[in-house]
Amino acid sequence: MIICKTERELDIMREAGKIVALTHQALKEHIQPGISTKELDVIAEKLIRSHDATPSFKGYNGFTGSVCASVNEELVHGIPGKRVLKDGDVISIDIGAFYNGYHGDSAWTYAVGNISEKDQELLDVTEASLFKGLEFARPGNRLSDISHAIQSYAEPFGFSIVREYVGHGVGQDLHEDPQIPHYGPPGKGPRLKPGMVLAIEPMINAGTRYVRTLSDDWTVVTVDGKNCAHFEHTIAITESGYEILTKA
């Protein structure tokens, strides 16, 4: 069941989303060669808690980090640890904040120092595909109109859409209905209505679309070892379009 939020609930979710966005801003300043993913995690948790929120991911099904930190061929669910970032890496940071009973959720992929032209293209295309999808986030459209727009934009660049992981509704639970693939034909799925809150999060690989989970039961990597990118915003469907909730 898709839960449409009231204006009171949306006000709370705007605050949760703002905390997520501020955390991204803070981490961006620290993402550079020589810092470990655990150090980034500590910075994020401290900032989230300073805003009277808690990290959505910490303890979620046993996850030990406050954020997901996924480097290079790691797509999602990377566990923060001793890994030290190097010049030329890319890192995807997925951040959730639980504030006053509601979640905000956003992911972004960052360059570490100087990255290759191909990796920069991957990041640029994945970010742009998110916003191409959001162009169709308005009342009356079907959910898959967003999905189709993302796929139609990204694939002509020679990149691949990951199919095993999808976007989702957000609210009192971190993952709510509906599930939102980032591929497929238009005109399918439920019609979008004001008050729906959705996490749109294209995950795109430089090589093939196939991924696997490592022995830690969390970290998802590309099968071919090529790099990948992940960009996500939590949005609310409004009367005339959409509002990004995960913004400062």
Protein backbone atom coordinates (compact mmCIF):
# COMPACT_ATOMS: atom_id res chain seq x y z
CA MET A 1 0.00 0.00 0.00
CA ILE A 2 1.32 3.43 -0.98
CA ILE A 3 0.97 5.91 1.89
CA CYS A 4 0.34 9.52 0.91
CA LYS A 5 1.72 11.93 3.49
CA THR A 6 -0.11 14.83 5.09
CA GLU A 7 1.36 18.33 5.08
CA ARG A 8 2.34 17.86 8.73
CA GLU A 9 4.23 14.70 7.84
CA LEU A 10 5.89 16.41 4.88
CA ASP A 11 7.10 19.21 7.15
CA ILE A 12 8.86 16.63 9.32
CA MET A 13 10.27 14.87 6.27
CA ARG A 14 11.65 18.16 4.98
CA GLU A 15 13.62 18.44 8.21
CA ALA A 16 14.83 14.84 7.95
CA GLY A 17 15.84 15.49 4.35
CA LYS A 18 17.65 18.69 5.27
CA ILE A 19 19.73 16.80 7.84
CA VAL A 20 20.69 14.29 5.15
CA ALA A 21 21.65 17.09 2.77
CA LEU A 22 23.74 18.87 5.39
CA THR A 23 25.54 15.61 6.09
CA HIS A 24 26.34 15.21 2.41
CA GLN A 25 27.69 18.77 2.33
CA ALA A 26 29.93 18.07 5.31
CA LEU A 27 31.27 14.80 3.94
CA LYS A 28 31.99 16.33 0.53
CA GLU A 29 34.52 18.63 2.21
CA HIS A 30 36.33 15.63 3.72
CA ILE A 31 36.33 13.28 0.73
CA GLN A 32 39.94 13.36 -0.38
CA PRO A 33 42.88 10.96 -0.70
CA GLY A 34 44.07 9.65 2.68
CA ILE A 35 40.78 9.56 4.59
CA SER A 36 39.23 6.24 5.55
CA THR A 37 35.60 5.30 5.05
CA LYS A 38 35.32 4.82 8.82
CA GLU A 39 36.44 8.40 9.42
CA LEU A 40 33.72 9.59 7.05
CA ASP A 41 31.20 7.47 8.91
CA VAL A 42 32.16 9.03 12.27
CA ILE A 43 31.78 12.54 10.84
CA ALA A 44 28.36 11.67 9.43
CA GLU A 45 27.02 10.10 12.61
CA LYS A 46 28.17 13.03 14.74
CA LEU A 47 26.46 15.53 12.45
CA ILE A 48 23.22 13.57 12.17
CA ARG A 49 22.97 13.20 15.94
CA SER A 50 23.76 16.90 16.46
CA HIS A 51 20.44 17.62 14.72
CA ASP A 52 18.46 15.42 17.12
CA ALA A 53 18.23 12.66 14.54
CA THR A 54 19.65 9.15 14.33
CA PRO A 55 21.32 7.40 11.39
CA SER A 56 18.65 5.39 9.58
CA PHE A 57 21.04 2.66 8.53
CA LYS A 58 22.84 1.96 11.80
CA GLY A 59 21.53 -1.33 13.12
CA TYR A 60 19.20 -1.78 10.12
CA ASN A 61 19.07 -5.57 9.70
CA GLY A 62 22.41 -5.65 11.51
CA PHE A 63 24.24 -3.05 9.39
CA THR A 64 27.09 -1.61 11.46
CA GLY A 65 27.72 1.72 9.74
CA SER A 66 25.93 5.03 10.02
CA VAL A 67 26.23 5.50 6.25
CA CYS A 68 26.93 3.21 3.32
CA ALA A 69 30.34 3.93 1.78
CA SER A 70 30.90 2.12 -1.51
CA VAL A 71 34.16 2.61 -3.43
CA ASN A 72 34.80 2.10 -7.17
CA GLU A 73 33.29 -1.27 -8.18
CA GLU A 74 31.22 -1.35 -4.97
CA LEU A 75 27.69 -0.34 -5.91
CA VAL A 76 25.80 -0.12 -2.62
CA HIS A 77 25.84 -1.17 1.03
CA GLY A 78 29.56 -0.76 1.53
CA ILE A 79 30.43 -1.07 5.23
CA PRO A 80 32.62 1.79 6.50
CA GLY A 81 35.98 0.53 7.72
CA LYS A 82 39.73 0.80 7.33
CA ARG A 83 39.75 1.35 3.57
CA VAL A 84 41.64 4.54 2.75
CA LEU A 85 40.58 6.57 -0.28
CA LYS A 86 43.12 7.09 -3.06
CA ASP A 87 43.43 9.65 -5.80
CA GLY A 88 41.30 8.52 -8.72
CA ASP A 89 38.71 6.62 -6.65
CA VAL A 90 34.99 7.28 -6.78
CA ILE A 91 32.89 6.79 -3.67
CA SER A 92 29.13 6.50 -3.28
CA ILE A 93 27.81 7.71 0.07
CA ASP A 94 24.25 6.72 0.99
CA ILE A 95 22.86 8.63 3.97
CA GLY A 96 19.63 8.19 5.92
CA ALA A 97 18.42 10.26 8.87
CA PHE A 98 15.52 9.34 11.15
CA TYR A 99 13.96 12.48 12.61
CA ASN A 100 10.81 12.72 14.71
CA GLY A 101 9.49 9.44 13.38
CA TYR A 102 10.32 9.86 9.68
CA HIS A 103 13.24 9.11 7.37
CA GLY A 104 15.18 11.08 4.78
CA ASP A 105 17.32 9.17 2.28
CA SER A 106 19.83 10.35 -0.32
CA ALA A 107 22.93 8.98 -2.05
CA TRP A 108 25.60 10.71 -4.09
CA THR A 109 28.77 9.57 -5.84
CA TYR A 110 31.88 11.70 -5.39
CA ALA A 111 35.22 11.96 -7.13
CA VAL A 112 38.29 11.46 -4.96
CA GLY A 113 40.97 13.80 -6.24
CA ASN A 114 41.51 13.52 -9.99
CA ILE A 115 39.40 10.85 -11.69
CA SER A 116 39.44 9.55 -15.25
CA GLU A 117 37.33 11.12 -17.99
CA LYS A 118 35.34 7.89 -18.26
CA ASP A 119 34.52 7.91 -14.54
CA GLN A 120 33.56 11.57 -14.72
CA GLU A 121 31.21 10.77 -17.58
CA LEU A 122 29.71 7.92 -15.54
CA LEU A 123 29.04 10.26 -12.62
CA ASP A 124 27.65 13.00 -14.85
CA VAL A 125 25.33 10.65 -16.74
CA THR A 126 24.04 8.94 -13.60
CA GLU A 127 23.29 12.27 -11.92
CA ALA A 128 21.62 13.61 -15.06
CA SER A 129 19.53 10.43 -15.40
CA LEU A 130 18.10 11.04 -11.93
CA PHE A 131 16.85 14.46 -12.97
CA LYS A 132 15.62 13.16 -16.34
CA GLY A 133 13.48 10.74 -14.38
CA LEU A 134 12.24 13.46 -12.06
CA GLU A 135 10.91 15.39 -15.06
CA PHE A 136 8.14 12.79 -15.12
CA ALA A 137 7.41 12.93 -11.38
CA ARG A 138 4.08 14.70 -11.49
CA PRO A 139 0.46 13.85 -10.73
CA GLY A 140 -1.29 11.71 -13.31
CA ASN A 141 1.86 10.10 -14.69
CA ARG A 142 2.56 6.43 -14.14
CA LEU A 143 5.39 5.32 -11.89
CA SER A 144 7.23 3.63 -14.77
CA ASP A 145 7.36 6.91 -16.70
CA ILE A 146 10.16 7.85 -14.28
CA SER A 147 11.83 4.47 -14.76
CA HIS A 148 11.71 4.66 -18.55
CA ALA A 149 13.14 8.18 -18.66
CA ILE A 150 16.16 7.11 -16.59
CA GLN A 151 16.90 4.09 -18.77
CA SER A 152 16.33 5.99 -22.02
CA TYR A 153 18.83 8.64 -21.02
CA ALA A 154 21.62 6.48 -19.57
CA GLU A 155 21.89 3.51 -21.90
CA PRO A 156 22.81 5.40 -25.11
CA PHE A 157 26.06 6.37 -23.35
CA GLY A 158 26.98 2.68 -23.19
CA PHE A 159 26.26 2.33 -19.48
CA SER A 160 24.07 -0.31 -17.82
CA ILE A 161 21.14 0.03 -15.42
CA VAL A 162 21.32 -2.24 -12.38
CA ARG A 163 18.06 -4.15 -12.05
CA GLU A 164 18.41 -5.97 -8.74
CA TYR A 165 18.16 -2.77 -6.66
CA VAL A 166 15.36 -0.25 -6.98
CA GLY A 167 13.98 2.95 -5.52
CA HIS A 168 11.20 2.90 -2.97
CA GLY A 169 8.68 4.81 -0.93
CA VAL A 170 9.90 6.56 2.22
CA GLY A 171 8.12 7.58 5.41
CA GLN A 172 7.91 6.18 8.91
CA ASP A 173 9.65 3.15 7.44
CA LEU A 174 12.88 3.51 5.50
CA HIS A 175 11.55 1.28 2.72
CA GLU A 176 7.86 1.54 1.87
CA ASP A 177 5.75 0.77 -1.18
CA PRO A 178 6.09 1.22 -4.07
CA GLN A 179 9.24 -0.35 -5.47
CA ILE A 180 10.64 1.80 -8.28
CA PRO A 181 12.78 0.16 -10.98
CA HIS A 182 15.03 2.44 -13.00
CA TYR A 183 14.27 0.72 -16.29
CA GLY A 184 11.27 -0.53 -18.22
CA PRO A 185 8.48 0.66 -20.52
CA PRO A 186 6.48 3.81 -19.77
CA GLY A 187 2.83 3.86 -18.78
CA LYS A 188 2.99 1.11 -16.17
CA GLY A 189 2.41 0.99 -12.42
CA PRO A 190 0.33 3.20 -10.13
CA ARG A 191 -0.55 6.76 -11.03
CA LEU A 192 1.38 9.38 -9.12
CA LYS A 193 -0.62 11.39 -6.59
CA PRO A 194 0.19 14.40 -4.39
CA GLY A 195 1.59 13.29 -1.04
CA MET A 196 3.48 10.30 -2.34
CA VAL A 197 7.09 10.32 -1.09
CA LEU A 198 9.55 8.42 -3.25
CA ALA A 199 13.29 7.71 -3.23
CA ILE A 200 14.46 7.74 -6.84
CA GLU A 201 17.97 6.30 -7.05
CA PRO A 202 19.46 5.19 -10.36
CA MET A 203 22.41 2.81 -9.96
CA ILE A 204 24.45 2.61 -13.13
CA ASN A 205 27.47 0.51 -14.10
CA ALA A 206 30.25 1.42 -16.51
CA GLY A 207 30.23 -2.16 -17.79
CA THR A 208 27.57 -4.87 -17.68
CA ARG A 209 24.55 -4.56 -15.40
CA TYR A 210 25.36 -7.65 -13.34
CA VAL A 211 26.24 -7.42 -9.64
CA ARG A 212 26.94 -9.79 -6.76
CA THR A 213 27.11 -9.59 -2.98
CA LEU A 214 30.41 -10.16 -1.16
CA SER A 215 30.92 -12.59 1.72
CA ASP A 216 30.14 -9.86 4.28
CA ASP A 217 26.51 -10.26 3.13
CA TRP A 218 26.24 -6.52 2.50
CA THR A 219 28.65 -5.05 -0.03
CA VAL A 220 27.33 -5.27 -3.59
CA VAL A 221 29.94 -5.12 -6.38
CA THR A 222 29.91 -5.21 -10.16
CA VAL A 223 30.62 -8.70 -11.52
CA ASP A 224 33.07 -7.35 -14.12
CA GLY A 225 34.93 -5.18 -11.59
CA LYS A 226 34.18 -1.95 -13.44
CA ASN A 227 33.14 1.20 -11.58
CA CYS A 228 29.58 2.25 -10.88
CA ALA A 229 27.62 5.26 -9.62
CA HIS A 230 24.56 5.90 -7.45
CA PHE A 231 22.55 9.11 -7.14
CA GLU A 232 19.39 9.41 -5.03
CA HIS A 233 16.95 12.04 -3.83
CA THR A 234 13.82 11.67 -1.72
CA ILE A 235 10.99 13.60 -3.37
CA ALA A 236 7.37 14.38 -2.65
CA ILE A 237 4.79 14.49 -5.43
CA THR A 238 3.02 17.88 -5.30
CA GLU A 239 -0.09 19.26 -7.00
CA SER A 240 2.00 20.52 -9.92
CA GLY A 241 5.10 18.31 -9.97
CA TYR A 242 7.61 17.30 -7.31
CA GLU A 243 9.62 18.72 -4.43
CA ILE A 244 13.08 17.49 -3.47
CA LEU A 245 13.01 16.82 0.27
CA THR A 246 16.70 15.93 0.62
CA LYS A 247 18.05 19.44 0.13
CA ALA A 248 19.63 21.94 2.52
